Amino acid sequence: MIIKDEFLSRLRKIFDLNLYEAKVWTALLSRGVSTAGELSNISDVPRSRTYDILESLEKKGFIIMKIGKPIKFVALRPEEVVERVKKNLVVEAQDRSKRLEELKGDDVLTELTGLFENGVKFVEPADLSGSLRGRQNLHNHLDMMVRSAEKNITLVTTADGLNRKIEALMPSLEKAKKRGVDIRVAAPITADNIKIAKQLSRIADVRDTKDKNVNGRFTIIDDGQLMFMLTDDKSVHPNYDVGVWLSTDYFAKVMSQMFDLAWQDFTPLSKAKIGK
C-alpha cells in the first residue's frame, strides 16, 4: 500500500501520531480487519514494532482489538475516531488542569518558586527580557502580566485587537480592578468593537485613538513591565505574531510618561464617533 508522505505528515500533525502509528492506522483502514503480521507487511513497519504500535492506537481509541487466534484488529470509521480523539483531549486537558491546580499547595511549587526567586537575585536587569511568538503565547504572557499588576495597567491596541485581548484578558482585568489597579485602554473605537468597549468601560478608562491614527500594540504594567508587538496584526498570521517583553523600570517608566502626554488627546469613549 502506497500512501503519500504529505498525507501521512498531515495525519501525524492532526492526530498527534508518530510515523509508524500513521502507517499502521492507514493500513488497517484500507483492510478494515487485519492481523498484526498482515499490517506489518502492508505498512512496511517492522514486525517487532507492530504490536506496540497497535496497542498504542487501541489506547488512543483509533482501533479495536478482536480476541481470537490469531488476534485481529478492527478499524473504526474515521468520524468515530475524530469524536474519540476530541473526547480524550478534553479528558486529558481536565486531568492536567486538575493536577496543576493541586500543585498550588504542593511542596514542589514552593521549591520551584524558591529556585526562581533565588535565581533572579543573580540576573542582570538587562537579561529580564524575551521574545514570544504566536498570538496565544502573547495573550498568555499578557494575562500573566495583568495578574501581577499592583498599581496600573496601560493597554494600547488596534480595533481588532481590542476584541481579541478582552476575550483573553477580561477575567484577569476584572480581578485587577477589584485589587484597586487603575486600568487605561486605548484603541480605535468602531462599530465592530463598541460593544466590547462599553463592557470594558465598567472597569477601565477607555479612549478612542481613531482620530490620532495610533496603530500600535503595547502594554505597560506598574511602570515596570512592558510588552510591545513587532508586527501589524492585519498582515500577519496569528501563529507568526511576535512580541517583545521587557522588565525594566527605566524604559517602562519613560514609555508610560510619553503615553501620558498622548492620553490627554485621545477621545473619551462617551464622545467617540463610531465608524468603520
Protein backbone atom coordinates (compact mmCIF):
# COMPACT_ATOMS: atom_id res chain seq x y z
CA MET A 1 0.00 0.00 0.00
CA ILE A 2 1.43 3.36 -1.03
CA ILE A 3 0.47 6.43 0.99
CA LYS A 4 1.94 9.79 0.11
CA ASP A 5 4.36 11.24 2.65
CA GLU A 6 2.46 14.54 2.59
CA PHE A 7 -0.76 12.80 3.63
CA LEU A 8 1.00 10.90 6.42
CA SER A 9 2.54 14.13 7.62
CA ARG A 10 -0.88 15.79 7.84
CA LEU A 11 -2.29 12.85 9.77
CA ARG A 12 0.58 12.99 12.23
CA LYS A 13 0.01 16.68 12.93
CA ILE A 14 -3.78 16.47 13.14
CA PHE A 15 -3.98 13.35 15.30
CA ASP A 16 -0.63 13.65 17.12
CA LEU A 17 0.70 10.33 15.81
CA ASN A 18 4.23 9.17 15.13
CA LEU A 19 5.17 7.89 11.67
CA TYR A 20 4.69 4.19 12.45
CA GLU A 21 1.28 4.84 14.04
CA ALA A 22 0.12 6.76 10.98
CA LYS A 23 1.33 3.99 8.64
CA VAL A 24 -0.27 1.15 10.61
CA TRP A 25 -3.55 3.04 11.07
CA THR A 26 -3.92 3.84 7.37
CA ALA A 27 -3.01 0.25 6.52
CA LEU A 28 -5.77 -1.03 8.82
CA LEU A 29 -8.25 1.47 7.42
CA SER A 30 -7.58 0.05 3.95
CA ARG A 31 -8.30 -3.50 5.16
CA GLY A 32 -11.00 -2.99 7.78
CA VAL A 33 -9.90 -6.07 9.73
CA SER A 34 -6.38 -7.48 9.77
CA THR A 35 -3.69 -9.24 11.81
CA ALA A 36 -0.50 -7.65 13.10
CA GLY A 37 1.57 -9.65 10.62
CA GLU A 38 -0.50 -8.52 7.66
CA LEU A 39 -0.36 -4.90 8.79
CA SER A 40 3.41 -5.12 9.16
CA ASN A 41 3.73 -6.25 5.55
CA ILE A 42 1.28 -3.68 4.20
CA SER A 43 2.58 -0.70 6.16
CA ASP A 44 6.28 -1.57 5.89
CA VAL A 45 6.60 -1.24 9.67
CA PRO A 46 8.97 -3.72 11.39
CA ARG A 47 7.09 -6.70 12.79
CA SER A 48 8.84 -6.24 16.15
CA ARG A 49 7.21 -2.80 16.48
CA THR A 50 3.77 -3.55 15.06
CA TYR A 51 2.20 -4.95 18.24
CA ASP A 52 3.38 -1.96 20.29
CA ILE A 53 2.01 0.40 17.67
CA LEU A 54 -1.36 -1.38 17.58
CA GLU A 55 -1.56 -1.32 21.37
CA SER A 56 -0.89 2.42 21.32
CA LEU A 57 -3.57 3.01 18.67
CA GLU A 58 -6.05 0.98 20.70
CA LYS A 59 -5.40 3.06 23.82
CA LYS A 60 -5.89 6.24 21.82
CA GLY A 61 -9.25 4.99 20.52
CA PHE A 62 -8.29 4.51 16.87
CA ILE A 63 -8.89 0.76 16.62
CA ILE A 64 -10.47 -2.21 18.41
CA MET A 65 -8.77 -5.50 19.25
CA LYS A 66 -10.72 -8.63 18.29
CA ILE A 67 -9.87 -11.54 20.58
CA GLY A 68 -9.17 -14.84 18.82
CA LYS A 69 -6.46 -16.91 17.21
CA PRO A 70 -4.84 -15.09 15.61
CA ILE A 71 -5.66 -11.77 17.28
CA LYS A 72 -7.17 -9.38 14.77
CA PHE A 73 -7.62 -5.65 14.78
CA VAL A 74 -10.69 -3.76 13.58
CA ALA A 75 -10.64 -0.25 12.13
CA LEU A 76 -13.19 2.31 13.28
CA ARG A 77 -14.86 4.81 11.00
CA PRO A 78 -12.73 7.98 10.78
CA GLU A 79 -15.67 10.08 12.02
CA GLU A 80 -15.81 7.95 15.18
CA VAL A 81 -12.06 8.27 15.64
CA VAL A 82 -12.34 12.07 15.46
CA GLU A 83 -15.01 12.08 18.17
CA ARG A 84 -12.98 9.75 20.38
CA VAL A 85 -9.83 11.85 19.98
CA LYS A 86 -11.79 15.01 20.84
CA LYS A 87 -13.19 13.42 24.00
CA ASN A 88 -9.79 12.09 25.02
CA LEU A 89 -8.27 15.56 24.57
CA VAL A 90 -10.95 17.11 26.79
CA VAL A 91 -10.45 14.48 29.50
CA GLU A 92 -6.68 14.84 29.31
CA ALA A 93 -6.91 18.64 29.49
CA GLN A 94 -9.22 18.45 32.51
CA ASP A 95 -6.90 15.98 34.21
CA ARG A 96 -3.84 18.16 33.61
CA SER A 97 -5.71 21.24 34.79
CA LYS A 98 -6.69 19.43 37.98
CA ARG A 99 -3.10 18.31 38.63
CA LEU A 100 -1.79 21.84 38.05
CA GLU A 101 -4.44 23.27 40.38
CA GLU A 102 -3.42 20.79 43.08
CA LEU A 103 0.19 21.84 42.58
CA LYS A 104 -0.58 25.24 44.14
CA GLY A 105 -0.50 23.73 47.59
CA ASP A 106 2.31 21.29 46.90
CA ASP A 107 5.90 21.44 48.13
CA VAL A 108 7.06 21.10 44.53
CA LEU A 109 5.71 24.55 43.67
CA THR A 110 7.33 26.02 46.77
CA GLU A 111 10.70 24.60 45.76
CA LEU A 112 10.29 25.81 42.17
CA THR A 113 9.37 29.29 43.39
CA GLY A 114 12.40 29.29 45.67
CA LEU A 115 14.66 28.37 42.76
CA PHE A 116 13.22 31.19 40.68
CA GLU A 117 13.33 33.87 43.36
CA ASN A 118 16.86 32.98 44.46
CA GLY A 119 18.00 32.78 40.86
CA VAL A 120 16.58 36.21 40.00
CA LYS A 121 18.95 37.77 42.53
CA PHE A 122 21.82 36.92 40.20
CA VAL A 123 20.15 38.06 37.00
CA GLU A 124 21.14 41.33 35.42
CA PRO A 125 18.17 43.68 34.76
CA ALA A 126 19.05 43.70 31.05
CA ASP A 127 18.54 39.92 30.99
CA LEU A 128 14.90 40.20 32.10
CA SER A 129 13.56 40.27 28.58
CA GLY A 130 12.40 37.87 25.92
CA SER A 131 10.55 37.43 22.67
CA LEU A 132 7.35 35.50 22.19
CA ARG A 133 5.90 34.03 19.01
CA GLY A 134 2.26 33.18 18.37
CA ARG A 135 -0.78 35.17 19.43
CA GLN A 136 -1.87 32.62 22.01
CA ASN A 137 1.54 32.75 23.69
CA LEU A 138 1.39 36.55 23.63
CA HIS A 139 -2.04 36.57 25.24
CA ASN A 140 -0.93 34.04 27.87
CA HIS A 141 2.03 36.24 28.82
CA LEU A 142 -0.12 39.37 28.84
CA ASP A 143 -2.55 37.59 31.15
CA MET A 144 0.33 36.76 33.50
CA MET A 145 1.43 40.42 33.46
CA VAL A 146 -2.11 41.63 34.22
CA ARG A 147 -2.41 39.16 37.10
CA SER A 148 0.80 40.55 38.60
CA ALA A 149 -0.31 44.19 38.36
CA GLU A 150 -0.50 46.11 41.64
CA LYS A 151 -0.89 49.77 40.61
CA ASN A 152 -1.72 50.43 36.97
CA ILE A 153 -2.26 48.81 33.58
CA THR A 154 -1.95 50.63 30.27
CA LEU A 155 -3.17 48.68 27.25
CA VAL A 156 -2.93 50.06 23.72
CA THR A 157 -4.18 48.00 20.80
CA THR A 158 -5.87 48.03 17.39
CA ALA A 159 -9.58 47.91 16.62
CA ASP A 160 -9.50 44.15 16.02
CA GLY A 161 -7.03 43.65 18.83
CA LEU A 162 -9.46 45.12 21.34
CA ASN A 163 -11.94 42.30 20.75
CA ARG A 164 -9.23 39.63 20.92
CA LYS A 165 -7.49 40.93 24.03
CA ILE A 166 -10.61 41.49 26.05
CA GLU A 167 -11.76 37.96 25.29
CA ALA A 168 -8.41 36.68 26.58
CA LEU A 169 -7.84 39.12 29.45
CA MET A 170 -11.24 40.18 30.79
CA PRO A 171 -11.35 37.84 33.84
CA SER A 172 -7.88 38.94 34.95
CA LEU A 173 -8.66 42.61 34.27
CA GLU A 174 -11.78 42.37 36.42
CA LYS A 175 -9.77 40.86 39.27
CA ALA A 176 -7.14 43.56 38.86
CA LYS A 177 -9.83 46.24 39.15
CA LYS A 178 -11.07 44.64 42.38
CA ARG A 179 -7.49 44.86 43.71
CA GLY A 180 -7.60 48.60 43.10
CA VAL A 181 -5.48 48.63 39.95
CA ASP A 182 -6.01 51.63 37.66
CA ILE A 183 -6.70 50.45 34.09
CA ARG A 184 -6.43 52.50 30.90
CA VAL A 185 -7.26 51.17 27.44
CA ALA A 186 -6.69 53.00 24.16
CA ALA A 187 -7.84 51.69 20.77
CA PRO A 188 -9.70 52.82 17.65
CA ILE A 189 -13.41 52.51 18.52
CA THR A 190 -15.56 51.22 15.67
CA ALA A 191 -18.98 49.72 15.15
CA ASP A 192 -17.34 46.29 15.37
CA ASN A 193 -15.89 46.77 18.84
CA ILE A 194 -18.11 49.39 20.51
CA LYS A 195 -20.00 46.71 22.43
CA ILE A 196 -16.77 45.33 23.88
CA ALA A 197 -15.51 48.85 24.59
CA LYS A 198 -18.65 49.67 26.60
CA GLN A 199 -18.35 46.41 28.51
CA LEU A 200 -14.72 47.22 29.27
CA SER A 201 -15.57 50.77 30.37
CA ARG A 202 -17.13 49.33 33.54
CA ILE A 203 -13.67 48.54 34.86
CA ALA A 204 -11.36 50.76 32.78
CA ASP A 205 -10.99 54.24 31.33
CA VAL A 206 -11.43 53.57 27.61
CA ARG A 207 -10.44 56.13 24.98
CA ASP A 208 -10.67 56.30 21.21
CA THR A 209 -7.42 56.71 19.24
CA LYS A 210 -9.04 56.73 15.80
CA ASP A 211 -8.60 60.47 15.16
CA LYS A 212 -4.91 60.28 16.13
CA ASN A 213 -4.13 57.36 13.78
CA VAL A 214 -2.47 55.38 16.56
CA ASN A 215 -1.98 51.82 15.37
CA GLY A 216 0.47 50.40 17.90
CA ARG A 217 0.06 47.46 20.25
CA PHE A 218 1.73 47.54 23.64
CA THR A 219 1.04 47.06 27.34
CA ILE A 220 2.68 48.67 30.37
CA ILE A 221 2.29 47.21 33.84
CA ASP A 222 3.13 49.19 37.03
CA ASP A 223 5.66 51.30 35.10
CA GLY A 224 7.96 48.29 35.36
CA GLN A 225 6.98 45.75 32.71
CA LEU A 226 6.43 46.40 29.02
CA MET A 227 5.31 44.25 26.13
CA PHE A 228 5.07 45.54 22.59
CA MET A 229 4.19 43.80 19.34
CA LEU A 230 6.55 43.94 16.39
CA THR A 231 4.10 43.14 13.61
CA ASP A 232 0.90 44.52 12.10
CA ASP A 233 -1.97 42.30 13.22
CA LYS A 234 -3.77 42.88 9.93
CA SER A 235 -0.99 41.42 7.81
CA VAL A 236 0.47 38.64 9.95
CA HIS A 237 -0.90 35.16 10.65
CA PRO A 238 -1.73 34.67 14.37
CA ASN A 239 0.87 31.89 14.62
CA TYR A 240 3.60 34.30 13.48
CA ASP A 241 2.67 37.31 15.57
CA VAL A 242 5.74 38.40 17.53
CA GLY A 243 6.12 40.40 20.70
CA VAL A 244 8.94 41.51 22.99
CA TRP A 245 8.67 41.55 26.78
CA LEU A 246 10.89 43.73 28.96
CA SER A 247 11.10 44.01 32.72
CA THR A 248 12.86 47.33 33.22
CA ASP A 249 11.68 50.17 35.43
CA TYR A 250 13.64 52.75 33.48
CA PHE A 251 12.33 52.07 29.98
CA ALA A 252 8.79 51.20 31.07
CA LYS A 253 8.53 54.42 33.08
CA VAL A 254 9.77 56.51 30.15
CA MET A 255 7.22 54.88 27.85
CA SER A 256 4.48 55.46 30.43
CA GLN A 257 5.37 59.15 30.73
CA MET A 258 5.34 59.58 26.95
CA PHE A 259 1.98 57.83 26.76
CA ASP A 260 0.56 60.11 29.48
CA LEU A 261 1.05 63.06 27.13
CA ALA A 262 -0.76 61.32 24.26
CA TRP A 263 -3.53 60.04 26.55
CA GLN A 264 -4.85 63.55 27.12
CA ASP A 265 -5.54 63.93 23.38
CA PHE A 266 -7.46 60.69 22.99
CA THR A 267 -11.27 60.87 22.86
CA PRO A 268 -13.22 59.54 25.86
CA LEU A 269 -15.50 56.64 24.94
CA SER A 270 -18.63 58.68 25.69
CA LYS A 271 -17.63 61.18 22.99
CA ALA A 272 -16.24 58.76 20.42
CA LYS A 273 -17.67 58.95 16.90
CA ILE A 274 -18.47 55.43 15.87
CA GLY A 275 -17.45 54.37 12.39
CA LYS A 276 -15.76 51.59 10.49
